[in-house]
Full PDB file with SEQRES, HELIX, SHEET, SSBOND, CRYST1, ORIGX, SCALE, CONECT and MASTER records, all heavy atoms in Angstrom:
SEQRES   1 A   41  GLY GLY ASP PRO GLY PRO LEU ALA GLY VAL PRO ILE ALA          
SEQRES   2 A   41  LEU LYS ASP ASN LEU CYS THR ARG GLY VAL ARG THR THR          
SEQRES   3 A   41  CYS GLY SER ARG ILE LEU GLU HIS TRP HIS PRO PRO TYR          
SEQRES   4 A   41  ASP ALA                                                      
HELIX    1 AA1 ARG A   30  LEU A   32  5                                   3    
CRYST1    1.000    1.000    1.000  90.00  90.00  90.00 P 1           1          
ORIGX1      1.000000  0.000000  0.000000        0.00000                         
ORIGX2      0.000000  1.000000  0.000000        0.00000                         
ORIGX3      0.000000  0.000000  1.000000        0.00000                         
SCALE1      1.000000  0.000000  0.000000        0.00000                         
SCALE2      0.000000  1.000000  0.000000        0.00000                         
SCALE3      0.000000  0.000000  1.000000        0.00000                         
ATOM      1  N   GLY A   1      35.205-199.424  -4.614  1.00  0.00           N  
ATOM      2  CA  GLY A   1      35.952-198.258  -4.187  1.00  0.00           C  
ATOM      3  C   GLY A   1      35.255-196.936  -4.430  1.00  0.00           C  
ATOM      4  O   GLY A   1      35.862-195.869  -4.257  1.00  0.00           O  
ATOM      5  N   GLY A   2      34.003-196.966  -4.810  1.00  0.00           N  
ATOM      6  CA  GLY A   2      33.266-195.736  -5.075  1.00  0.00           C  
ATOM      7  C   GLY A   2      32.609-195.179  -3.818  1.00  0.00           C  
ATOM      8  O   GLY A   2      32.544-195.844  -2.779  1.00  0.00           O  
ATOM      9  N   ASP A   3      32.170-193.956  -3.937  1.00  0.00           N  
ATOM     10  CA  ASP A   3      31.431-193.298  -2.844  1.00  0.00           C  
ATOM     11  C   ASP A   3      30.000-193.071  -3.319  1.00  0.00           C  
ATOM     12  O   ASP A   3      29.754-192.216  -4.163  1.00  0.00           O  
ATOM     13  CB  ASP A   3      32.077-191.967  -2.477  1.00  0.00           C  
ATOM     14  CG  ASP A   3      31.392-191.296  -1.292  1.00  0.00           C  
ATOM     15  OD1 ASP A   3      30.348-191.806  -0.841  1.00  0.00           O  
ATOM     16  OD2 ASP A   3      31.889-190.250  -0.829  1.00  0.00           O  
ATOM     17  N   PRO A   4      29.040-193.838  -2.791  1.00  0.00           N  
ATOM     18  CA  PRO A   4      27.652-193.717  -3.265  1.00  0.00           C  
ATOM     19  C   PRO A   4      26.976-192.412  -2.882  1.00  0.00           C  
ATOM     20  O   PRO A   4      25.881-192.130  -3.358  1.00  0.00           O  
ATOM     21  CB  PRO A   4      26.952-194.906  -2.607  1.00  0.00           C  
ATOM     22  CG  PRO A   4      28.049-195.792  -2.129  1.00  0.00           C  
ATOM     23  CD  PRO A   4      29.191-194.905  -1.822  1.00  0.00           C  
ATOM     24  N   GLY A   5      27.569-191.630  -1.979  1.00  0.00           N  
ATOM     25  CA  GLY A   5      26.963-190.356  -1.615  1.00  0.00           C  
ATOM     26  C   GLY A   5      26.839-190.171  -0.123  1.00  0.00           C  
ATOM     27  O   GLY A   5      27.066-191.102   0.668  1.00  0.00           O  
ATOM     28  N   PRO A   6      26.454-188.968   0.304  1.00  0.00           N  
ATOM     29  CA  PRO A   6      26.411-188.638   1.735  1.00  0.00           C  
ATOM     30  C   PRO A   6      25.361-189.399   2.526  1.00  0.00           C  
ATOM     31  O   PRO A   6      25.455-189.472   3.748  1.00  0.00           O  
ATOM     32  CB  PRO A   6      26.119-187.138   1.743  1.00  0.00           C  
ATOM     33  CG  PRO A   6      25.461-186.866   0.425  1.00  0.00           C  
ATOM     34  CD  PRO A   6      26.093-187.811  -0.536  1.00  0.00           C  
ATOM     35  N   LEU A   7      24.361-189.962   1.851  1.00  0.00           N  
ATOM     36  CA  LEU A   7      23.326-190.739   2.550  1.00  0.00           C  
ATOM     37  C   LEU A   7      23.372-192.205   2.108  1.00  0.00           C  
ATOM     38  O   LEU A   7      22.344-192.881   2.037  1.00  0.00           O  
ATOM     39  CB  LEU A   7      21.942-190.151   2.278  1.00  0.00           C  
ATOM     40  CG  LEU A   7      21.698-188.723   2.774  1.00  0.00           C  
ATOM     41  CD1 LEU A   7      20.280-188.271   2.436  1.00  0.00           C  
ATOM     42  CD2 LEU A   7      21.946-188.608   4.276  1.00  0.00           C  
ATOM     43  N   ALA A   8      24.564-192.695   1.841  1.00  0.00           N  
ATOM     44  CA  ALA A   8      24.734-194.048   1.310  1.00  0.00           C  
ATOM     45  C   ALA A   8      24.032-195.095   2.161  1.00  0.00           C  
ATOM     46  O   ALA A   8      24.325-195.257   3.343  1.00  0.00           O  
ATOM     47  CB  ALA A   8      26.225-194.380   1.222  1.00  0.00           C  
ATOM     48  N   GLY A   9      23.084-195.784   1.548  1.00  0.00           N  
ATOM     49  CA  GLY A   9      22.400-196.884   2.210  1.00  0.00           C  
ATOM     50  C   GLY A   9      21.386-196.496   3.254  1.00  0.00           C  
ATOM     51  O   GLY A   9      20.836-197.375   3.940  1.00  0.00           O  
ATOM     52  N   VAL A  10      21.100-195.213   3.397  1.00  0.00           N  
ATOM     53  CA  VAL A  10      20.165-194.774   4.436  1.00  0.00           C  
ATOM     54  C   VAL A  10      18.728-194.982   3.970  1.00  0.00           C  
ATOM     55  O   VAL A  10      18.308-194.417   2.953  1.00  0.00           O  
ATOM     56  CB  VAL A  10      20.386-193.290   4.787  1.00  0.00           C  
ATOM     57  CG1 VAL A  10      19.347-192.832   5.806  1.00  0.00           C  
ATOM     58  CG2 VAL A  10      21.796-193.067   5.317  1.00  0.00           C  
ATOM     59  N   PRO A  11      17.930-195.775   4.684  1.00  0.00           N  
ATOM     60  CA  PRO A  11      16.520-195.949   4.316  1.00  0.00           C  
ATOM     61  C   PRO A  11      15.740-194.648   4.563  1.00  0.00           C  
ATOM     62  O   PRO A  11      15.914-193.995   5.595  1.00  0.00           O  
ATOM     63  CB  PRO A  11      16.037-197.058   5.257  1.00  0.00           C  
ATOM     64  CG  PRO A  11      17.285-197.691   5.790  1.00  0.00           C  
ATOM     65  CD  PRO A  11      18.304-196.603   5.835  1.00  0.00           C  
ATOM     66  N   ILE A  12      14.886-194.297   3.632  1.00  0.00           N  
ATOM     67  CA  ILE A  12      14.098-193.079   3.753  1.00  0.00           C  
ATOM     68  C   ILE A  12      12.679-193.340   3.291  1.00  0.00           C  
ATOM     69  O   ILE A  12      12.446-194.157   2.391  1.00  0.00           O  
ATOM     70  CB  ILE A  12      14.743-191.927   2.942  1.00  0.00           C  
ATOM     71  CG1 ILE A  12      14.022-190.602   3.215  1.00  0.00           C  
ATOM     72  CG2 ILE A  12      14.770-192.231   1.450  1.00  0.00           C  
ATOM     73  CD1 ILE A  12      14.752-189.384   2.684  1.00  0.00           C  
ATOM     74  N   ALA A  13      11.730-192.666   3.927  1.00  0.00           N  
ATOM     75  CA  ALA A  13      10.316-192.768   3.557  1.00  0.00           C  
ATOM     76  C   ALA A  13       9.889-191.480   2.882  1.00  0.00           C  
ATOM     77  O   ALA A  13      10.356-190.397   3.233  1.00  0.00           O  
ATOM     78  CB  ALA A  13       9.462-193.028   4.798  1.00  0.00           C  
ATOM     79  N   LEU A  14       9.002-191.591   1.911  1.00  0.00           N  
ATOM     80  CA  LEU A  14       8.530-190.438   1.149  1.00  0.00           C  
ATOM     81  C   LEU A  14       7.035-190.240   1.353  1.00  0.00           C  
ATOM     82  O   LEU A  14       6.254-191.195   1.242  1.00  0.00           O  
ATOM     83  CB  LEU A  14       8.789-190.633  -0.350  1.00  0.00           C  
ATOM     84  CG  LEU A  14      10.222-190.917  -0.794  1.00  0.00           C  
ATOM     85  CD1 LEU A  14      10.254-191.141  -2.303  1.00  0.00           C  
ATOM     86  CD2 LEU A  14      11.149-189.781  -0.398  1.00  0.00           C  
ATOM     87  N   LYS A  15       6.636-189.027   1.637  1.00  0.00           N  
ATOM     88  CA  LYS A  15       5.216-188.713   1.684  1.00  0.00           C  
ATOM     89  C   LYS A  15       4.586-189.052   0.344  1.00  0.00           C  
ATOM     90  O   LYS A  15       5.180-188.797  -0.720  1.00  0.00           O  
ATOM     91  CB  LYS A  15       5.033-187.222   2.020  1.00  0.00           C  
ATOM     92  CG  LYS A  15       3.588-186.818   2.268  1.00  0.00           C  
ATOM     93  CD  LYS A  15       3.520-185.362   2.706  1.00  0.00           C  
ATOM     94  CE  LYS A  15       2.091-184.894   2.976  1.00  0.00           C  
ATOM     95  NZ  LYS A  15       2.039-183.501   3.463  1.00  0.00           N  
ATOM     96  N   ASP A  16       3.378-189.560   0.383  1.00  0.00           N  
ATOM     97  CA  ASP A  16       2.784-190.119  -0.832  1.00  0.00           C  
ATOM     98  C   ASP A  16       2.184-189.066  -1.768  1.00  0.00           C  
ATOM     99  O   ASP A  16       1.286-189.366  -2.549  1.00  0.00           O  
ATOM    100  CB  ASP A  16       1.734-191.175  -0.478  1.00  0.00           C  
ATOM    101  CG  ASP A  16       1.542-192.183  -1.613  1.00  0.00           C  
ATOM    102  OD1 ASP A  16       2.483-192.353  -2.408  1.00  0.00           O  
ATOM    103  OD2 ASP A  16       0.468-192.800  -1.690  1.00  0.00           O  
ATOM    104  N   ASN A  17       2.700-187.845  -1.714  1.00  0.00           N  
ATOM    105  CA  ASN A  17       2.383-186.861  -2.748  1.00  0.00           C  
ATOM    106  C   ASN A  17       3.623-186.471  -3.541  1.00  0.00           C  
ATOM    107  O   ASN A  17       3.616-185.494  -4.279  1.00  0.00           O  
ATOM    108  CB  ASN A  17       1.732-185.608  -2.149  1.00  0.00           C  
ATOM    109  CG  ASN A  17       2.612-184.914  -1.120  1.00  0.00           C  
ATOM    110  OD1 ASN A  17       3.658-185.419  -0.731  1.00  0.00           O  
ATOM    111  ND2 ASN A  17       2.161-183.761  -0.659  1.00  0.00           N  
ATOM    112  N   LEU A  18       4.707-187.266  -3.382  1.00  0.00           N  
ATOM    113  CA  LEU A  18       5.934-187.081  -4.157  1.00  0.00           C  
ATOM    114  C   LEU A  18       5.969-188.140  -5.247  1.00  0.00           C  
ATOM    115  O   LEU A  18       5.955-189.343  -4.960  1.00  0.00           O  
ATOM    116  CB  LEU A  18       7.161-187.196  -3.252  1.00  0.00           C  
ATOM    117  CG  LEU A  18       7.281-186.124  -2.167  1.00  0.00           C  
ATOM    118  CD1 LEU A  18       8.390-186.482  -1.187  1.00  0.00           C  
ATOM    119  CD2 LEU A  18       7.536-184.769  -2.800  1.00  0.00           C  
ATOM    120  N   CYS A  19       6.017-187.701  -6.485  1.00  0.00           N  
ATOM    121  CA  CYS A  19       5.957-188.639  -7.605  1.00  0.00           C  
ATOM    122  C   CYS A  19       7.172-189.559  -7.626  1.00  0.00           C  
ATOM    123  O   CYS A  19       8.310-189.118  -7.481  1.00  0.00           O  
ATOM    124  CB  CYS A  19       5.881-187.873  -8.922  1.00  0.00           C  
ATOM    125  SG  CYS A  19       4.295-187.058  -9.196  1.00  0.00           S  
ATOM    126  N   THR A  20       6.900-190.844  -7.809  1.00  0.00           N  
ATOM    127  CA  THR A  20       7.931-191.866  -7.913  1.00  0.00           C  
ATOM    128  C   THR A  20       7.615-192.724  -9.129  1.00  0.00           C  
ATOM    129  O   THR A  20       6.531-193.323  -9.208  1.00  0.00           O  
ATOM    130  CB  THR A  20       7.972-192.735  -6.648  1.00  0.00           C  
ATOM    131  OG1 THR A  20       6.621-193.043  -6.236  1.00  0.00           O  
ATOM    132  CG2 THR A  20       8.668-192.032  -5.515  1.00  0.00           C  
ATOM    133  N   ARG A  21       8.538-192.754 -10.059  1.00  0.00           N  
ATOM    134  CA  ARG A  21       8.285-193.437 -11.332  1.00  0.00           C  
ATOM    135  C   ARG A  21       7.956-194.914 -11.116  1.00  0.00           C  
ATOM    136  O   ARG A  21       8.711-195.652 -10.489  1.00  0.00           O  
ATOM    137  CB  ARG A  21       9.505-193.308 -12.243  1.00  0.00           C  
ATOM    138  CG  ARG A  21       9.296-193.913 -13.611  1.00  0.00           C  
ATOM    139  CD  ARG A  21      10.521-193.744 -14.493  1.00  0.00           C  
ATOM    140  NE  ARG A  21      10.282-194.317 -15.810  1.00  0.00           N  
ATOM    141  CZ  ARG A  21      11.196-194.386 -16.769  1.00  0.00           C  
ATOM    142  NH1 ARG A  21      12.415-193.903 -16.548  1.00  0.00           N  
ATOM    143  NH2 ARG A  21      10.896-194.919 -17.927  1.00  0.00           N  
ATOM    144  N   GLY A  22       6.791-195.310 -11.618  1.00  0.00           N  
ATOM    145  CA  GLY A  22       6.380-196.702 -11.560  1.00  0.00           C  
ATOM    146  C   GLY A  22       5.864-197.170 -10.213  1.00  0.00           C  
ATOM    147  O   GLY A  22       5.451-198.322 -10.081  1.00  0.00           O  
ATOM    148  N   VAL A  23       5.901-196.286  -9.209  1.00  0.00           N  
ATOM    149  CA  VAL A  23       5.412-196.640  -7.865  1.00  0.00           C  
ATOM    150  C   VAL A  23       4.163-195.808  -7.594  1.00  0.00           C  
ATOM    151  O   VAL A  23       4.176-194.586  -7.761  1.00  0.00           O  
ATOM    152  CB  VAL A  23       6.469-196.350  -6.784  1.00  0.00           C  
ATOM    153  CG1 VAL A  23       5.931-196.684  -5.395  1.00  0.00           C  
ATOM    154  CG2 VAL A  23       7.754-197.109  -7.073  1.00  0.00           C  
ATOM    155  N   ARG A  24       3.103-196.442  -7.168  1.00  0.00           N  
ATOM    156  CA  ARG A  24       1.849-195.711  -7.028  1.00  0.00           C  
ATOM    157  C   ARG A  24       2.004-194.538  -6.064  1.00  0.00           C  
ATOM    158  O   ARG A  24       2.704-194.619  -5.049  1.00  0.00           O  
ATOM    159  CB  ARG A  24       0.706-196.623  -6.599  1.00  0.00           C  
ATOM    160  CG  ARG A  24       0.712-197.082  -5.169  1.00  0.00           C  
ATOM    161  CD  ARG A  24      -0.607-197.761  -4.838  1.00  0.00           C  
ATOM    162  NE  ARG A  24      -0.675-198.097  -3.421  1.00  0.00           N  
ATOM    163  CZ  ARG A  24      -1.812-198.278  -2.761  1.00  0.00           C  
ATOM    164  NH1 ARG A  24      -2.965-198.141  -3.385  1.00  0.00           N  
ATOM    165  NH2 ARG A  24      -1.817-198.584  -1.482  1.00  0.00           N  
ATOM    166  N   THR A  25       1.361-193.468  -6.434  1.00  0.00           N  
ATOM    167  CA  THR A  25       1.412-192.216  -5.672  1.00  0.00           C  
ATOM    168  C   THR A  25      -0.026-191.761  -5.493  1.00  0.00           C  
ATOM    169  O   THR A  25      -0.653-191.264  -6.428  1.00  0.00           O  
ATOM    170  CB  THR A  25       2.244-191.159  -6.425  1.00  0.00           C  
ATOM    171  OG1 THR A  25       3.572-191.669  -6.610  1.00  0.00           O  
ATOM    172  CG2 THR A  25       2.288-189.858  -5.674  1.00  0.00           C  
ATOM    173  N   THR A  26      -0.568-191.926  -4.286  1.00  0.00           N  
ATOM    174  CA  THR A  26      -2.006-191.792  -4.085  1.00  0.00           C  
ATOM    175  C   THR A  26      -2.453-190.443  -3.545  1.00  0.00           C  
ATOM    176  O   THR A  26      -3.625-190.096  -3.644  1.00  0.00           O  
ATOM    177  CB  THR A  26      -2.512-192.861  -3.099  1.00  0.00           C  
ATOM    178  OG1 THR A  26      -2.042-192.543  -1.773  1.00  0.00           O  
ATOM    179  CG2 THR A  26      -2.035-194.250  -3.482  1.00  0.00           C  
ATOM    180  N   CYS A  27      -1.554-189.701  -2.903  1.00  0.00           N  
ATOM    181  CA  CYS A  27      -1.937-188.470  -2.182  1.00  0.00           C  
ATOM    182  C   CYS A  27      -3.019-188.738  -1.143  1.00  0.00           C  
ATOM    183  O   CYS A  27      -3.776-187.842  -0.768  1.00  0.00           O  
ATOM    184  CB  CYS A  27      -2.417-187.385  -3.155  1.00  0.00           C  
ATOM    185  SG  CYS A  27      -1.130-186.774  -4.228  1.00  0.00           S  
ATOM    186  N   GLY A  28      -3.100-189.973  -0.677  1.00  0.00           N  
ATOM    187  CA  GLY A  28      -4.097-190.325   0.321  1.00  0.00           C  
ATOM    188  C   GLY A  28      -5.518-190.278  -0.192  1.00  0.00           C  
ATOM    189  O   GLY A  28      -6.465-190.181   0.592  1.00  0.00           O  
ATOM    190  N   SER A  29      -5.701-190.397  -1.533  1.00  0.00           N  
ATOM    191  CA  SER A  29      -7.016-190.203  -2.144  1.00  0.00           C  
ATOM    192  C   SER A  29      -7.419-191.383  -3.016  1.00  0.00           C  
ATOM    193  O   SER A  29      -6.587-191.972  -3.718  1.00  0.00           O  
ATOM    194  CB  SER A  29      -6.996-188.931  -2.999  1.00  0.00           C  
ATOM    195  OG  SER A  29      -8.245-188.723  -3.624  1.00  0.00           O  
ATOM    196  N   ARG A  30      -8.692-191.696  -2.999  1.00  0.00           N  
ATOM    197  CA  ARG A  30      -9.211-192.748  -3.876  1.00  0.00           C  
ATOM    198  C   ARG A  30      -9.064-192.365  -5.342  1.00  0.00           C  
ATOM    199  O   ARG A  30      -8.938-193.235  -6.206  1.00  0.00           O  
ATOM    200  CB  ARG A  30     -10.693-193.004  -3.572  1.00  0.00           C  
ATOM    201  CG  ARG A  30     -10.948-193.649  -2.232  1.00  0.00           C  
ATOM    202  CD  ARG A  30     -10.460-195.071  -2.177  1.00  0.00           C  
ATOM    203  NE  ARG A  30     -10.728-195.701  -0.879  1.00  0.00           N  
ATOM    204  CZ  ARG A  30     -10.113-196.783  -0.432  1.00  0.00           C  
ATOM    205  NH1 ARG A  30      -9.172-197.358  -1.179  1.00  0.00           N  
ATOM    206  NH2 ARG A  30     -10.415-197.290   0.744  1.00  0.00           N  
ATOM    207  N   ILE A  31      -9.052-191.080  -5.624  1.00  0.00           N  
ATOM    208  CA  ILE A  31      -9.020-190.647  -7.019  1.00  0.00           C  
ATOM    209  C   ILE A  31      -7.677-190.982  -7.676  1.00  0.00           C  
ATOM    210  O   ILE A  31      -7.575-191.069  -8.898  1.00  0.00           O  
ATOM    211  CB  ILE A  31      -9.354-189.143  -7.137  1.00  0.00           C  
ATOM    212  CG1 ILE A  31     -10.040-188.861  -8.481  1.00  0.00           C  
ATOM    213  CG2 ILE A  31      -8.140-188.261  -6.935  1.00  0.00           C  
ATOM    214  CD1 ILE A  31     -10.779-187.547  -8.532  1.00  0.00           C  
ATOM    215  N   LEU A  32      -6.630-191.187  -6.846  1.00  0.00           N  
ATOM    216  CA  LEU A  32      -5.313-191.566  -7.364  1.00  0.00           C  
ATOM    217  C   LEU A  32      -4.854-192.917  -6.810  1.00  0.00           C  
ATOM    218  O   LEU A  32      -3.658-193.221  -6.829  1.00  0.00           O  
ATOM    219  CB  LEU A  32      -4.278-190.488  -7.016  1.00  0.00           C  
ATOM    220  CG  LEU A  32      -4.388-189.155  -7.761  1.00  0.00           C  
ATOM    221  CD1 LEU A  32      -3.335-188.179  -7.266  1.00  0.00           C  
ATOM    222  CD2 LEU A  32      -4.256-189.358  -9.265  1.00  0.00           C  
ATOM    223  N   GLU A  33      -5.788-193.728  -6.367  1.00  0.00           N  
ATOM    224  CA  GLU A  33      -5.438-194.975  -5.694  1.00  0.00           C  
ATOM    225  C   GLU A  33      -4.550-195.878  -6.544  1.00  0.00           C  
ATOM    226  O   GLU A  33      -3.677-196.572  -6.012  1.00  0.00           O  
ATOM    227  CB  GLU A  33      -6.716-195.731  -5.304  1.00  0.00           C  
ATOM    228  CG  GLU A  33      -6.460-197.011  -4.543  1.00  0.00           C  
ATOM    229  CD  GLU A  33      -7.744-197.668  -4.058  1.00  0.00           C  
ATOM    230  OE1 GLU A  33      -8.841-197.161  -4.383  1.00  0.00           O  
ATOM    231  OE2 GLU A  33      -7.645-198.687  -3.341  1.00  0.00           O  
ATOM    232  N   HIS A  34      -4.736-195.873  -7.849  1.00  0.00           N  
ATOM    233  CA  HIS A  34      -3.990-196.778  -8.722  1.00  0.00           C  
ATOM    234  C   HIS A  34      -3.086-196.029  -9.693  1.00  0.00           C  
ATOM    235  O   HIS A  34      -2.704-196.581 -10.728  1.00  0.00           O  
ATOM    236  CB  HIS A  34      -4.969-197.674  -9.493  1.00  0.00           C  
ATOM    237  CG  HIS A  34      -5.869-198.469  -8.607  1.00  0.00           C  
ATOM    238  ND1 HIS A  34      -5.411-199.465  -7.764  1.00  0.00           N  
ATOM    239  CD2 HIS A  34      -7.216-198.403  -8.402  1.00  0.00           C  
ATOM    240  CE1 HIS A  34      -6.429-199.977  -7.090  1.00  0.00           C  
ATOM    241  NE2 HIS A  34      -7.537-199.356  -7.452  1.00  0.00           N  
ATOM    242  N   TRP A  35      -2.736-194.782  -9.361  1.00  0.00           N  
ATOM    243  CA  TRP A  35      -1.914-193.987 -10.282  1.00  0.00           C  
ATOM    244  C   TRP A  35      -0.436-194.273 -10.064  1.00  0.00           C  
ATOM    245  O   TRP A  35       0.057-194.222  -8.939  1.00  0.00           O  
ATOM    246  CB  TRP A  35      -2.187-192.494 -10.081  1.00  0.00           C  
ATOM    247  CG  TRP A  35      -1.446-191.639 -11.072  1.00  0.00           C  
ATOM    248  CD1 TRP A  35      -1.497-191.727 -12.428  1.00  0.00           C  
ATOM    249  CD2 TRP A  35      -0.543-190.571 -10.758  1.00  0.00           C  
ATOM    250  NE1 TRP A  35      -0.686-190.765 -12.987  1.00  0.00           N  
ATOM    251  CE2 TRP A  35      -0.091-190.054 -12.000  1.00  0.00           C  
ATOM    252  CE3 TRP A  35      -0.083-190.005  -9.573  1.00  0.00           C  
ATOM    253  CZ2 TRP A  35       0.804-188.990 -12.084  1.00  0.00           C  
ATOM    254  CZ3 TRP A  35       0.806-188.948  -9.646  1.00  0.00           C  
ATOM    255  CH2 TRP A  35       1.242-188.444 -10.882  1.00  0.00           C  
ATOM    256  N   HIS A  36       0.276-194.557 -11.159  1.00  0.00           N  
ATOM    257  CA  HIS A  36       1.714-194.793 -11.132  1.00  0.00           C  
ATOM    258  C   HIS A  36       2.373-193.722 -11.998  1.00  0.00           C  
ATOM    259  O   HIS A  36       2.280-193.784 -13.226  1.00  0.00           O  
ATOM    260  CB  HIS A  36       2.053-196.197 -11.654  1.00  0.00           C  
ATOM    261  CG  HIS A  36       1.561-197.295 -10.770  1.00  0.00           C  
ATOM    262  ND1 HIS A  36       0.212-197.578 -10.604  1.00  0.00           N  
ATOM    263  CD2 HIS A  36       2.233-198.181  -9.990  1.00  0.00           C  
ATOM    264  CE1 HIS A  36       0.091-198.599  -9.760  1.00  0.00           C  
ATOM    265  NE2 HIS A  36       1.294-198.979  -9.382  1.00  0.00           N  
ATOM    266  N   PRO A  37       3.027-192.755 -11.403  1.00  0.00           N  
ATOM    267  CA  PRO A  37       3.610-191.655 -12.188  1.00  0.00           C  
ATOM    268  C   PRO A  37       4.660-192.154 -13.184  1.00  0.00           C  
ATOM    269  O   PRO A  37       5.385-193.128 -12.915  1.00  0.00           O  
ATOM    270  CB  PRO A  37       4.267-190.763 -11.125  1.00  0.00           C  
ATOM    271  CG  PRO A  37       3.598-191.123  -9.846  1.00  0.00           C  
ATOM    272  CD  PRO A  37       3.242-192.568  -9.960  1.00  0.00           C  
ATOM    273  N   PRO A  38       4.792-191.460 -14.319  1.00  0.00           N  
ATOM    274  CA  PRO A  38       5.811-191.830 -15.304  1.00  0.00           C  
ATOM    275  C   PRO A  38       7.157-191.149 -15.073  1.00  0.00           C  
ATOM    276  O   PRO A  38       8.049-191.256 -15.908  1.00  0.00           O  
ATOM    277  CB  PRO A  38       5.183-191.354 -16.618  1.00  0.00           C  
ATOM    278  CG  PRO A  38       4.379-190.159 -16.224  1.00  0.00           C  
ATOM    279  CD  PRO A  38       3.847-190.457 -14.835  1.00  0.00           C  
ATOM    280  N   TYR A  39       7.306-190.445 -13.960  1.00  0.00           N  
ATOM    281  CA  TYR A  39       8.547-189.722 -13.694  1.00  0.00           C  
ATOM    282  C   TYR A  39       8.753-189.590 -12.189  1.00  0.00           C  
ATOM    283  O   TYR A  39       7.834-189.794 -11.402  1.00  0.00           O  
ATOM    284  CB  TYR A  39       8.521-188.337 -14.341  1.00  0.00           C  
ATOM    285  CG  TYR A  39       7.529-187.378 -13.718  1.00  0.00           C  
ATOM    286  CD1 TYR A  39       7.963-186.391 -12.840  1.00  0.00           C  
ATOM    287  CD2 TYR A  39       6.166-187.464 -13.982  1.00  0.00           C  
ATOM    288  CE1 TYR A  39       7.063-185.509 -12.250  1.00  0.00           C  
ATOM    289  CE2 TYR A  39       5.266-186.594 -13.404  1.00  0.00           C  
ATOM    290  CZ  TYR A  39       5.714-185.617 -12.541  1.00  0.00           C  
ATOM    291  OH  TYR A  39       4.821-184.749 -11.951  1.00  0.00           O  
ATOM    292  N   ASP A  40       9.984-189.230 -11.826  1.00  0.00           N  
ATOM    293  CA  ASP A  40      10.331-188.998 -10.429  1.00  0.00           C  
ATOM    294  C   ASP A  40      10.313-187.510 -10.116  1.00  0.00           C  
ATOM    295  O   ASP A  40      10.711-186.678 -10.949  1.00  0.00           O  
ATOM    296  CB  ASP A  40      11.744-189.515 -10.120  1.00  0.00           C  
ATOM    297  CG  ASP A  40      11.798-191.018  -9.948  1.00  0.00           C  
ATOM    298  OD1 ASP A  40      10.838-191.590  -9.403  1.00  0.00           O  
ATOM    299  OD2 ASP A  40      12.812-191.620 -10.350  1.00  0.00           O  
ATOM    300  N   ALA A  41       9.900-187.157  -8.910  1.00  0.00           N  
ATOM    301  CA  ALA A  41      10.083-185.791  -8.419  1.00  0.00           C  
ATOM    302  C   ALA A  41      11.576-185.493  -8.347  1.00  0.00           C  
ATOM    303  O   ALA A  41      12.404-186.381  -8.161  1.00  0.00           O  
ATOM    304  CB  ALA A  41       9.452-185.640  -7.039  1.00  0.00           C  
TER     305      ALA A  41                                                      
MASTER        0    0    0    1    0    0    0    6  304    1    0    4          
END                                                                             
């Protein structure tokens, strides 16, 4: 009976320069190819 929010269940893609905790964030660069941020934007 809850309301998950205005975008409930909507799939979204994130540009790879937005930090995502535990998910690699490369900025399209080899220098960050294996970087996994410790926090979310």
